[in-house]
């Protein structure tokens, strides 16, 4: 988790770190096909709470571990949620609800 958060933080601060160069972080956030929602490695959305800039999100799962993050470099914010239990119909919703609670509180 610590390495993951360091990687996400590198996106937000926009400077080169041991995890990510500033140029690579910028490239990953740029729209991939000039359509809202598609970046390289993240989905990028225009959301009022993320201005200035965009809201970036990515989720994934691996063998019963599921994660999601939302971040907005313009507001210096990363919300990362992790769980080690998987329910086919509930885990994604639980992660989204937890992220939404944190975003509502800190944005």
PDB file of N, CA and C in Angstrom:
ATOM      1  N   UNK A   1       0.822  -1.198   0.000  1.00  0.00           N
ATOM      2  CA  UNK A   1       0.000   0.000   0.000  1.00  0.00           C
ATOM      3  C   UNK A   1       0.861   1.254   0.000  1.00  0.00           C
ATOM      4  N   UNK A   2       1.943   1.257   0.771  1.00  0.00           N
ATOM      5  CA  UNK A   2       2.769   2.462   0.842  1.00  0.00           C
ATOM      6  C   UNK A   2       3.351   2.821  -0.518  1.00  0.00           C
ATOM      7  N   UNK A   3       3.840   1.827  -1.252  1.00  0.00           N
ATOM      8  CA  UNK A   3       4.394   2.098  -2.577  1.00  0.00           C
ATOM      9  C   UNK A   3       3.318   2.586  -3.536  1.00  0.00           C
ATOM     10  N   UNK A   4       2.136   2.016  -3.434  1.00  0.00           N
ATOM     11  CA  UNK A   4       1.038   2.436  -4.299  1.00  0.00           C
ATOM     12  C   UNK A   4       0.685   3.894  -4.042  1.00  0.00           C
ATOM     13  N   UNK A   5       0.593   4.275  -2.783  1.00  0.00           N
ATOM     14  CA  UNK A   5       0.259   5.654  -2.436  1.00  0.00           C
ATOM     15  C   UNK A   5       1.375   6.601  -2.881  1.00  0.00           C
ATOM     16  N   UNK A   6       2.627   6.190  -2.764  1.00  0.00           N
ATOM     17  CA  UNK A   6       3.730   7.024  -3.261  1.00  0.00           C
ATOM     18  C   UNK A   6       3.611   7.239  -4.764  1.00  0.00           C
ATOM     19  N   UNK A   7       3.253   6.194  -5.493  1.00  0.00           N
ATOM     20  CA  UNK A   7       3.058   6.295  -6.933  1.00  0.00           C
ATOM     21  C   UNK A   7       1.916   7.262  -7.252  1.00  0.00           C
ATOM     22  N   UNK A   8       0.801   7.143  -6.543  1.00  0.00           N
ATOM     23  CA  UNK A   8      -0.334   8.036  -6.766  1.00  0.00           C
ATOM     24  C   UNK A   8       0.027   9.471  -6.415  1.00  0.00           C
ATOM     25  N   UNK A   9       0.743   9.648  -5.335  1.00  0.00           N
ATOM     26  CA  UNK A   9       1.167  10.990  -4.909  1.00  0.00           C
ATOM     27  C   UNK A   9       2.050  11.639  -5.969  1.00  0.00           C
ATOM     28  N   UNK A  10       2.882  10.839  -6.646  1.00  0.00           N
ATOM     29  CA  UNK A  10       3.732  11.374  -7.706  1.00  0.00           C
ATOM     30  C   UNK A  10       2.885  11.990  -8.822  1.00  0.00           C
ATOM     31  N   UNK A  11       1.706  11.434  -9.080  1.00  0.00           N
ATOM     32  CA  UNK A  11       0.798  12.029 -10.064  1.00  0.00           C
ATOM     33  C   UNK A  11       0.328  13.404  -9.609  1.00  0.00           C
ATOM     34  N   UNK A  12       0.030  13.518  -8.337  1.00  0.00           N
ATOM     35  CA  UNK A  12      -0.552  14.746  -7.806  1.00  0.00           C
ATOM     36  C   UNK A  12       0.463  15.872  -7.733  1.00  0.00           C
ATOM     37  N   UNK A  13       1.680  15.585  -7.268  1.00  0.00           N
ATOM     38  CA  UNK A  13       2.647  16.662  -7.071  1.00  0.00           C
ATOM     39  C   UNK A  13       3.302  17.107  -8.367  1.00  0.00           C
ATOM     40  N   UNK A  14       3.288  16.259  -9.397  1.00  0.00           N
ATOM     41  CA  UNK A  14       3.764  16.663 -10.709  1.00  0.00           C
ATOM     42  C   UNK A  14       5.253  16.898 -10.839  1.00  0.00           C
ATOM     43  N   UNK A  15       6.057  16.308  -9.964  1.00  0.00           N
ATOM     44  CA  UNK A  15       7.512  16.393 -10.093  1.00  0.00           C
ATOM     45  C   UNK A  15       8.070  14.985 -10.146  1.00  0.00           C
ATOM     46  N   UNK A  16       9.279  14.853 -10.653  1.00  0.00           N
ATOM     47  CA  UNK A  16       9.890  13.533 -10.750  1.00  0.00           C
ATOM     48  C   UNK A  16      10.188  12.985  -9.366  1.00  0.00           C
ATOM     49  N   UNK A  17       9.889  11.716  -9.184  1.00  0.00           N
ATOM     50  CA  UNK A  17      10.176  11.018  -7.934  1.00  0.00           C
ATOM     51  C   UNK A  17      10.889   9.725  -8.292  1.00  0.00           C
ATOM     52  N   UNK A  18      11.210   8.928  -7.310  1.00  0.00           N
ATOM     53  CA  UNK A  18      11.804   7.635  -7.587  1.00  0.00           C
ATOM     54  C   UNK A  18      10.819   6.656  -8.197  1.00  0.00           C
ATOM     55  N   UNK A  19       9.552   7.006  -8.206  1.00  0.00           N
ATOM     56  CA  UNK A  19       8.506   6.129  -8.719  1.00  0.00           C
ATOM     57  C   UNK A  19       8.030   6.516 -10.113  1.00  0.00           C
ATOM     58  N   UNK A  20       8.128   7.779 -10.448  1.00  0.00           N
ATOM     59  CA  UNK A  20       7.518   8.265 -11.675  1.00  0.00           C
ATOM     60  C   UNK A  20       8.139   9.604 -12.043  1.00  0.00           C
ATOM     61  N   UNK A  21       8.477   9.778 -13.326  1.00  0.00           N
ATOM     62  CA  UNK A  21       8.959  11.090 -13.753  1.00  0.00           C
ATOM     63  C   UNK A  21       7.763  12.005 -13.979  1.00  0.00           C
ATOM     64  N   UNK A  22       8.002  13.296 -13.896  1.00  0.00           N
ATOM     65  CA  UNK A  22       6.933  14.263 -14.131  1.00  0.00           C
ATOM     66  C   UNK A  22       6.383  14.116 -15.548  1.00  0.00           C
ATOM     67  N   UNK A  23       7.258  13.867 -16.517  1.00  0.00           N
ATOM     68  CA  UNK A  23       6.821  13.713 -17.910  1.00  0.00           C
ATOM     69  C   UNK A  23       5.921  12.488 -18.081  1.00  0.00           C
ATOM     70  N   UNK A  24       6.275  11.382 -17.441  1.00  0.00           N
ATOM     71  CA  UNK A  24       5.456  10.176 -17.545  1.00  0.00           C
ATOM     72  C   UNK A  24       4.115  10.374 -16.849  1.00  0.00           C
ATOM     73  N   UNK A  25       4.120  11.001 -15.680  1.00  0.00           N
ATOM     74  CA  UNK A  25       2.863  11.273 -14.972  1.00  0.00           C
ATOM     75  C   UNK A  25       1.946  12.123 -15.839  1.00  0.00           C
ATOM     76  N   UNK A  26       2.502  13.136 -16.489  1.00  0.00           N
ATOM     77  CA  UNK A  26       1.710  13.992 -17.367  1.00  0.00           C
ATOM     78  C   UNK A  26       1.145  13.195 -18.542  1.00  0.00           C
ATOM     79  N   UNK A  27       1.967  12.337 -19.117  1.00  0.00           N
ATOM     80  CA  UNK A  27       1.524  11.524 -20.257  1.00  0.00           C
ATOM     81  C   UNK A  27       0.394  10.572 -19.861  1.00  0.00           C
ATOM     82  N   UNK A  28       0.481   9.974 -18.676  1.00  0.00           N
ATOM     83  CA  UNK A  28      -0.543   9.034 -18.227  1.00  0.00           C
ATOM     84  C   UNK A  28      -1.892   9.707 -18.002  1.00  0.00           C
ATOM     85  N   UNK A  29      -1.879  10.995 -17.686  1.00  0.00           N
ATOM     86  CA  UNK A  29      -3.120  11.716 -17.397  1.00  0.00           C
ATOM     87  C   UNK A  29      -3.772  12.317 -18.637  1.00  0.00           C
ATOM     88  N   UNK A  30      -3.021  12.464 -19.711  1.00  0.00           N
ATOM     89  CA  UNK A  30      -3.552  13.065 -20.930  1.00  0.00           C
ATOM     90  C   UNK A  30      -4.578  12.152 -21.593  1.00  0.00           C
ATOM     91  N   UNK A  31      -5.637  12.733 -22.148  1.00  0.00           N
ATOM     92  CA  UNK A  31      -6.588  11.892 -22.878  1.00  0.00           C
ATOM     93  C   UNK A  31      -5.880  11.118 -23.987  1.00  0.00           C
ATOM     94  N   UNK A  32      -6.164   9.844 -24.070  1.00  0.00           N
ATOM     95  CA  UNK A  32      -5.492   8.961 -25.017  1.00  0.00           C
ATOM     96  C   UNK A  32      -6.038   9.109 -26.426  1.00  0.00           C
ATOM     97  N   UNK A  33      -7.327   9.269 -26.550  1.00  0.00           N
ATOM     98  CA  UNK A  33      -7.934   9.350 -27.877  1.00  0.00           C
ATOM     99  C   UNK A  33      -8.810  10.596 -28.007  1.00  0.00           C
ATOM    100  N   UNK A  34      -8.436  11.659 -27.319  1.00  0.00           N
ATOM    101  CA  UNK A  34      -9.172  12.924 -27.363  1.00  0.00           C
ATOM    102  C   UNK A  34     -10.641  12.783 -26.993  1.00  0.00           C
ATOM    103  N   UNK A  35     -10.935  11.839 -26.121  1.00  0.00           N
ATOM    104  CA  UNK A  35     -12.292  11.632 -25.634  1.00  0.00           C
ATOM    105  C   UNK A  35     -12.238  11.613 -24.113  1.00  0.00           C
ATOM    106  N   UNK A  36     -13.138  12.352 -23.478  1.00  0.00           N
ATOM    107  CA  UNK A  36     -13.168  12.340 -22.027  1.00  0.00           C
ATOM    108  C   UNK A  36     -13.291  10.911 -21.529  1.00  0.00           C
ATOM    109  N   UNK A  37     -12.500  10.585 -20.528  1.00  0.00           N
ATOM    110  CA  UNK A  37     -12.614   9.289 -19.891  1.00  0.00           C
ATOM    111  C   UNK A  37     -11.514   8.310 -20.224  1.00  0.00           C
ATOM    112  N   UNK A  38     -10.678   8.605 -21.187  1.00  0.00           N
ATOM    113  CA  UNK A  38      -9.654   7.639 -21.565  1.00  0.00           C
ATOM    114  C   UNK A  38      -8.263   8.249 -21.496  1.00  0.00           C
ATOM    115  N   UNK A  39      -7.501   7.899 -20.467  1.00  0.00           N
ATOM    116  CA  UNK A  39      -6.103   8.269 -20.366  1.00  0.00           C
ATOM    117  C   UNK A  39      -5.268   7.006 -20.488  1.00  0.00           C
ATOM    118  N   UNK A  40      -3.982   7.125 -20.331  1.00  0.00           N
ATOM    119  CA  UNK A  40      -3.092   5.960 -20.333  1.00  0.00           C
ATOM    120  C   UNK A  40      -2.884   5.530 -18.889  1.00  0.00           C
ATOM    121  N   UNK A  41      -3.615   4.556 -18.438  1.00  0.00           N
ATOM    122  CA  UNK A  41      -3.467   4.086 -17.069  1.00  0.00           C
ATOM    123  C   UNK A  41      -4.512   4.612 -16.110  1.00  0.00           C
ATOM    124  N   UNK A  42      -5.185   5.680 -16.477  1.00  0.00           N
ATOM    125  CA  UNK A  42      -6.256   6.222 -15.640  1.00  0.00           C
ATOM    126  C   UNK A  42      -7.405   6.654 -16.535  1.00  0.00           C
ATOM    127  N   UNK A  43      -8.571   6.715 -15.944  1.00  0.00           N
ATOM    128  CA  UNK A  43      -9.692   7.349 -16.619  1.00  0.00           C
ATOM    129  C   UNK A  43      -9.708   8.794 -16.149  1.00  0.00           C
ATOM    130  N   UNK A  44      -9.922   9.723 -17.061  1.00  0.00           N
ATOM    131  CA  UNK A  44      -9.902  11.151 -16.742  1.00  0.00           C
ATOM    132  C   UNK A  44     -11.274  11.744 -17.039  1.00  0.00           C
ATOM    133  N   UNK A  45     -11.864  12.351 -16.016  1.00  0.00           N
ATOM    134  CA  UNK A  45     -13.207  12.917 -16.157  1.00  0.00           C
ATOM    135  C   UNK A  45     -13.215  14.379 -15.742  1.00  0.00           C
ATOM    136  N   UNK A  46     -14.069  15.153 -16.395  1.00  0.00           N
ATOM    137  CA  UNK A  46     -14.285  16.538 -15.994  1.00  0.00           C
ATOM    138  C   UNK A  46     -15.346  16.538 -14.898  1.00  0.00           C
ATOM    139  N   UNK A  47     -14.933  16.886 -13.694  1.00  0.00           N
ATOM    140  CA  UNK A  47     -15.836  16.941 -12.548  1.00  0.00           C
ATOM    141  C   UNK A  47     -15.628  18.269 -11.834  1.00  0.00           C
ATOM    142  N   UNK A  48     -16.700  18.915 -11.444  1.00  0.00           N
ATOM    143  CA  UNK A  48     -16.607  20.217 -10.783  1.00  0.00           C
ATOM    144  C   UNK A  48     -15.735  20.151  -9.533  1.00  0.00           C
ATOM    145  N   UNK A  49     -15.839  19.066  -8.756  1.00  0.00           N
ATOM    146  CA  UNK A  49     -15.067  18.970  -7.513  1.00  0.00           C
ATOM    147  C   UNK A  49     -13.574  18.837  -7.760  1.00  0.00           C
ATOM    148  N   UNK A  50     -13.175  18.505  -8.969  1.00  0.00           N
ATOM    149  CA  UNK A  50     -11.757  18.295  -9.273  1.00  0.00           C
ATOM    150  C   UNK A  50     -11.072  19.534  -9.836  1.00  0.00           C
ATOM    151  N   UNK A  51     -11.817  20.572 -10.169  1.00  0.00           N
ATOM    152  CA  UNK A  51     -11.210  21.738 -10.800  1.00  0.00           C
ATOM    153  C   UNK A  51     -10.316  22.494  -9.841  1.00  0.00           C
ATOM    154  N   UNK A  52      -9.221  23.055 -10.313  1.00  0.00           N
ATOM    155  CA  UNK A  52      -8.786  23.050 -11.710  1.00  0.00           C
ATOM    156  C   UNK A  52      -8.216  21.685 -12.093  1.00  0.00           C
ATOM    157  N   UNK A  53      -8.493  21.252 -13.285  1.00  0.00           N
ATOM    158  CA  UNK A  53      -8.005  19.958 -13.749  1.00  0.00           C
ATOM    159  C   UNK A  53      -9.120  18.938 -13.805  1.00  0.00           C
ATOM    160  N   UNK A  54      -8.729  17.691 -13.876  1.00  0.00           N
ATOM    161  CA  UNK A  54      -9.688  16.605 -14.020  1.00  0.00           C
ATOM    162  C   UNK A  54      -9.642  15.662 -12.829  1.00  0.00           C
ATOM    163  N   UNK A  55     -10.692  14.878 -12.692  1.00  0.00           N
ATOM    164  CA  UNK A  55     -10.731  13.785 -11.720  1.00  0.00           C
ATOM    165  C   UNK A  55     -10.171  12.555 -12.411  1.00  0.00           C
ATOM    166  N   UNK A  56      -9.222  11.893 -11.777  1.00  0.00           N
ATOM    167  CA  UNK A  56      -8.586  10.703 -12.329  1.00  0.00           C
ATOM    168  C   UNK A  56      -8.983   9.503 -11.489  1.00  0.00           C
ATOM    169  N   UNK A  57      -9.306   8.388 -12.141  1.00  0.00           N
ATOM    170  CA  UNK A  57      -9.754   7.199 -11.419  1.00  0.00           C
ATOM    171  C   UNK A  57      -9.180   5.954 -12.080  1.00  0.00           C
ATOM    172  N   UNK A  58      -8.957   4.947 -11.270  1.00  0.00           N
ATOM    173  CA  UNK A  58      -8.576   3.624 -11.760  1.00  0.00           C
ATOM    174  C   UNK A  58      -8.982   2.612 -10.698  1.00  0.00           C
ATOM    175  N   UNK A  59      -9.430   1.460 -11.147  1.00  0.00           N
ATOM    176  CA  UNK A  59      -9.772   0.396 -10.200  1.00  0.00           C
ATOM    177  C   UNK A  59      -9.260  -0.918 -10.766  1.00  0.00           C
ATOM    178  N   UNK A  60      -9.126  -1.881  -9.888  1.00  0.00           N
ATOM    179  CA  UNK A  60      -8.703  -3.196 -10.340  1.00  0.00           C
ATOM    180  C   UNK A  60      -8.837  -4.220  -9.232  1.00  0.00           C
ATOM    181  N   UNK A  61      -8.724  -5.486  -9.616  1.00  0.00           N
ATOM    182  CA  UNK A  61      -8.787  -6.553  -8.621  1.00  0.00           C
ATOM    183  C   UNK A  61      -7.822  -7.659  -9.006  1.00  0.00           C
ATOM    184  N   UNK A  62      -7.424  -8.404  -8.000  1.00  0.00           N
ATOM    185  CA  UNK A  62      -6.515  -9.524  -8.192  1.00  0.00           C
ATOM    186  C   UNK A  62      -6.727 -10.514  -7.060  1.00  0.00           C
ATOM    187  N   UNK A  63      -7.264 -11.665  -7.366  1.00  0.00           N
ATOM    188  CA  UNK A  63      -7.405 -12.760  -6.404  1.00  0.00           C
ATOM    189  C   UNK A  63      -8.013 -12.330  -5.072  1.00  0.00           C
ATOM    190  N   UNK A  64      -9.162 -11.671  -5.121  1.00  0.00           N
ATOM    191  CA  UNK A  64      -9.866 -11.313  -3.896  1.00  0.00           C
ATOM    192  C   UNK A  64      -9.448  -9.997  -3.273  1.00  0.00           C
ATOM    193  N   UNK A  65      -8.534  -9.295  -3.881  1.00  0.00           N
ATOM    194  CA  UNK A  65      -8.139  -7.965  -3.423  1.00  0.00           C
ATOM    195  C   UNK A  65      -8.631  -6.967  -4.462  1.00  0.00           C
ATOM    196  N   UNK A  66      -9.361  -5.968  -4.022  1.00  0.00           N
ATOM    197  CA  UNK A  66      -9.905  -4.992  -4.961  1.00  0.00           C
ATOM    198  C   UNK A  66      -9.561  -3.590  -4.489  1.00  0.00           C
ATOM    199  N   UNK A  67      -9.248  -2.720  -5.445  1.00  0.00           N
ATOM    200  CA  UNK A  67      -8.839  -1.356  -5.120  1.00  0.00           C
ATOM    201  C   UNK A  67      -9.510  -0.368  -6.061  1.00  0.00           C
ATOM    202  N   UNK A  68      -9.589   0.864  -5.612  1.00  0.00           N
ATOM    203  CA  UNK A  68     -10.005   1.976  -6.450  1.00  0.00           C
ATOM    204  C   UNK A  68      -9.305   3.224  -5.922  1.00  0.00           C
ATOM    205  N   UNK A  69      -8.952   4.116  -6.828  1.00  0.00           N
ATOM    206  CA  UNK A  69      -8.496   5.425  -6.382  1.00  0.00           C
ATOM    207  C   UNK A  69      -9.151   6.499  -7.225  1.00  0.00           C
ATOM    208  N   UNK A  70      -9.360   7.630  -6.594  1.00  0.00           N
ATOM    209  CA  UNK A  70      -9.750   8.870  -7.250  1.00  0.00           C
ATOM    210  C   UNK A  70      -8.702   9.884  -6.849  1.00  0.00           C
ATOM    211  N   UNK A  71      -8.287  10.718  -7.774  1.00  0.00           N
ATOM    212  CA  UNK A  71      -7.360  11.783  -7.410  1.00  0.00           C
ATOM    213  C   UNK A  71      -7.599  12.993  -8.291  1.00  0.00           C
ATOM    214  N   UNK A  72      -7.186  14.133  -7.782  1.00  0.00           N
ATOM    215  CA  UNK A  72      -7.259  15.371  -8.531  1.00  0.00           C
ATOM    216  C   UNK A  72      -6.012  16.189  -8.261  1.00  0.00           C
ATOM    217  N   UNK A  73      -5.095  16.207  -9.213  1.00  0.00           N
ATOM    218  CA  UNK A  73      -3.863  16.971  -9.029  1.00  0.00           C
ATOM    219  C   UNK A  73      -4.116  18.454  -8.762  1.00  0.00           C
ATOM    220  N   UNK A  74      -5.160  19.022  -9.354  1.00  0.00           N
ATOM    221  CA  UNK A  74      -5.458  20.435  -9.158  1.00  0.00           C
ATOM    222  C   UNK A  74      -5.826  20.791  -7.732  1.00  0.00           C
ATOM    223  N   UNK A  75      -6.242  19.810  -6.959  1.00  0.00           N
ATOM    224  CA  UNK A  75      -6.623  20.044  -5.562  1.00  0.00           C
ATOM    225  C   UNK A  75      -5.726  19.302  -4.580  1.00  0.00           C
ATOM    226  N   UNK A  76      -4.660  18.690  -5.090  1.00  0.00           N
ATOM    227  CA  UNK A  76      -3.689  18.002  -4.237  1.00  0.00           C
ATOM    228  C   UNK A  76      -4.360  16.931  -3.373  1.00  0.00           C
ATOM    229  N   UNK A  77      -5.147  16.066  -4.015  1.00  0.00           N
ATOM    230  CA  UNK A  77      -5.923  15.084  -3.267  1.00  0.00           C
ATOM    231  C   UNK A  77      -5.855  13.710  -3.917  1.00  0.00           C
ATOM    232  N   UNK A  78      -5.643  12.693  -3.092  1.00  0.00           N
ATOM    233  CA  UNK A  78      -5.723  11.293  -3.512  1.00  0.00           C
ATOM    234  C   UNK A  78      -6.614  10.561  -2.516  1.00  0.00           C
ATOM    235  N   UNK A  79      -7.587   9.811  -3.015  1.00  0.00           N
ATOM    236  CA  UNK A  79      -8.406   8.922  -2.190  1.00  0.00           C
ATOM    237  C   UNK A  79      -8.167   7.515  -2.711  1.00  0.00           C
ATOM    238  N   UNK A  80      -7.602   6.652  -1.880  1.00  0.00           N
ATOM    239  CA  UNK A  80      -7.302   5.270  -2.271  1.00  0.00           C
ATOM    240  C   UNK A  80      -8.015   4.324  -1.317  1.00  0.00           C
ATOM    241  N   UNK A  81      -8.740   3.363  -1.870  1.00  0.00           N
ATOM    242  CA  UNK A  81      -9.505   2.400  -1.084  1.00  0.00           C
ATOM    243  C   UNK A  81      -9.065   0.996  -1.482  1.00  0.00           C
ATOM    244  N   UNK A  82      -8.859   0.132  -0.495  1.00  0.00           N
ATOM    245  CA  UNK A  82      -8.403  -1.240  -0.721  1.00  0.00           C
ATOM    246  C   UNK A  82      -9.222  -2.187   0.146  1.00  0.00           C
ATOM    247  N   UNK A  83      -9.563  -3.330  -0.396  1.00  0.00           N
ATOM    248  CA  UNK A  83     -10.204  -4.372   0.405  1.00  0.00           C
ATOM    249  C   UNK A  83      -9.624  -5.729   0.033  1.00  0.00           C
ATOM    250  N   UNK A  84      -9.591  -6.613   0.995  1.00  0.00           N
ATOM    251  CA  UNK A  84      -9.089  -7.963   0.720  1.00  0.00           C
ATOM    252  C   UNK A  84     -10.204  -9.003   0.791  1.00  0.00           C
ATOM    253  N   UNK A  85     -11.431  -8.562   0.577  1.00  0.00           N
ATOM    254  CA  UNK A  85     -12.536  -9.512   0.469  1.00  0.00           C
ATOM    255  C   UNK A  85     -13.309  -9.176  -0.796  1.00  0.00           C
ATOM    256  N   UNK A  86     -13.830 -10.173  -1.429  1.00  0.00           N
ATOM    257  CA  UNK A  86     -14.484  -9.963  -2.710  1.00  0.00           C
ATOM    258  C   UNK A  86     -15.885 -10.555  -2.694  1.00  0.00           C
ATOM    259  N   UNK A  87     -16.843  -9.737  -3.064  1.00  0.00           N
ATOM    260  CA  UNK A  87     -18.218 -10.182  -3.262  1.00  0.00           C
ATOM    261  C   UNK A  87     -18.587  -9.771  -4.678  1.00  0.00           C
ATOM    262  N   UNK A  88     -18.964 -10.712  -5.483  1.00  0.00           N
ATOM    263  CA  UNK A  88     -19.188 -10.449  -6.904  1.00  0.00           C
ATOM    264  C   UNK A  88     -20.118  -9.272  -7.162  1.00  0.00           C
ATOM    265  N   UNK A  89     -21.078  -9.049  -6.292  1.00  0.00           N
ATOM    266  CA  UNK A  89     -22.038  -7.990  -6.566  1.00  0.00           C
ATOM    267  C   UNK A  89     -21.966  -6.807  -5.606  1.00  0.00           C
ATOM    268  N   UNK A  90     -21.073  -6.825  -4.631  1.00  0.00           N
ATOM    269  CA  UNK A  90     -21.083  -5.764  -3.622  1.00  0.00           C
ATOM    270  C   UNK A  90     -19.756  -5.022  -3.459  1.00  0.00           C
ATOM    271  N   UNK A  91     -18.634  -5.622  -3.775  1.00  0.00           N
ATOM    272  CA  UNK A  91     -17.341  -5.014  -3.469  1.00  0.00           C
ATOM    273  C   UNK A  91     -17.146  -3.693  -4.195  1.00  0.00           C
ATOM    274  N   UNK A  92     -17.413  -3.658  -5.484  1.00  0.00           N
ATOM    275  CA  UNK A  92     -17.248  -2.419  -6.242  1.00  0.00           C
ATOM    276  C   UNK A  92     -18.099  -1.296  -5.694  1.00  0.00           C
ATOM    277  N   UNK A  93     -19.336  -1.605  -5.348  1.00  0.00           N
ATOM    278  CA  UNK A  93     -20.236  -0.611  -4.773  1.00  0.00           C
ATOM    279  C   UNK A  93     -19.711  -0.117  -3.426  1.00  0.00           C
ATOM    280  N   UNK A  94     -19.219  -1.019  -2.597  1.00  0.00           N
ATOM    281  CA  UNK A  94     -18.668  -0.627  -1.294  1.00  0.00           C
ATOM    282  C   UNK A  94     -17.458   0.281  -1.464  1.00  0.00           C
ATOM    283  N   UNK A  95     -16.576  -0.040  -2.406  1.00  0.00           N
ATOM    284  CA  UNK A  95     -15.406   0.807  -2.657  1.00  0.00           C
ATOM    285  C   UNK A  95     -15.833   2.188  -3.142  1.00  0.00           C
ATOM    286  N   UNK A  96     -16.768   2.237  -4.081  1.00  0.00           N
ATOM    287  CA  UNK A  96     -17.250   3.523  -4.583  1.00  0.00           C
ATOM    288  C   UNK A  96     -17.909   4.338  -3.479  1.00  0.00           C
ATOM    289  N   UNK A  97     -18.708   3.696  -2.645  1.00  0.00           N
ATOM    290  CA  UNK A  97     -19.359   4.411  -1.541  1.00  0.00           C
ATOM    291  C   UNK A  97     -18.339   4.970  -0.560  1.00  0.00           C
ATOM    292  N   UNK A  98     -17.310   4.190  -0.232  1.00  0.00           N
ATOM    293  CA  UNK A  98     -16.261   4.674   0.674  1.00  0.00           C
ATOM    294  C   UNK A  98     -15.517   5.856   0.057  1.00  0.00           C
ATOM    295  N   UNK A  99     -15.186   5.757  -1.218  1.00  0.00           N
ATOM    296  CA  UNK A  99     -14.499   6.859  -1.900  1.00  0.00           C
ATOM    297  C   UNK A  99     -15.378   8.107  -1.920  1.00  0.00           C
ATOM    298  N   UNK A 100     -16.664   7.940  -2.206  1.00  0.00           N
ATOM    299  CA  UNK A 100     -17.579   9.082  -2.236  1.00  0.00           C
ATOM    300  C   UNK A 100     -17.698   9.756  -0.879  1.00  0.00           C
ATOM    301  N   UNK A 101     -17.715   8.983   0.198  1.00  0.00           N
ATOM    302  CA  UNK A 101     -17.752   9.572   1.545  1.00  0.00           C
ATOM    303  C   UNK A 101     -16.517  10.423   1.806  1.00  0.00           C
ATOM    304  N   UNK A 102     -15.352   9.909   1.438  1.00  0.00           N
ATOM    305  CA  UNK A 102     -14.111  10.664   1.642  1.00  0.00           C
ATOM    306  C   UNK A 102     -14.059  11.910   0.765  1.00  0.00           C
ATOM    307  N   UNK A 103     -14.469  11.780  -0.484  1.00  0.00           N
ATOM    308  CA  UNK A 103     -14.487  12.947  -1.371  1.00  0.00           C
ATOM    309  C   UNK A 103     -15.445  14.010  -0.855  1.00  0.00           C
ATOM    310  N   UNK A 104     -16.612  13.606  -0.386  1.00  0.00           N
ATOM    311  CA  UNK A 104     -17.578  14.565   0.149  1.00  0.00           C
ATOM    312  C   UNK A 104     -17.023  15.292   1.367  1.00  0.00           C
ATOM    313  N   UNK A 105     -16.228  14.601   2.143  1.00  0.00           N
ATOM    314  CA  UNK A 105     -15.684  15.218   3.352  1.00  0.00           C
ATOM    315  C   UNK A 105     -14.516  16.158   3.070  1.00  0.00           C
ATOM    316  N   UNK A 106     -13.647  15.794   2.134  1.00  0.00           N
ATOM    317  CA  UNK A 106     -12.402  16.535   1.958  1.00  0.00           C
ATOM    318  C   UNK A 106     -12.353  17.438   0.733  1.00  0.00           C
ATOM    319  N   UNK A 107     -13.377  17.430  -0.084  1.00  0.00           N
ATOM    320  CA  UNK A 107     -13.356  18.307  -1.270  1.00  0.00           C
ATOM    321  C   UNK A 107     -14.355  19.420  -1.086  1.00  0.00           C
TER     322      UNK A 107
END
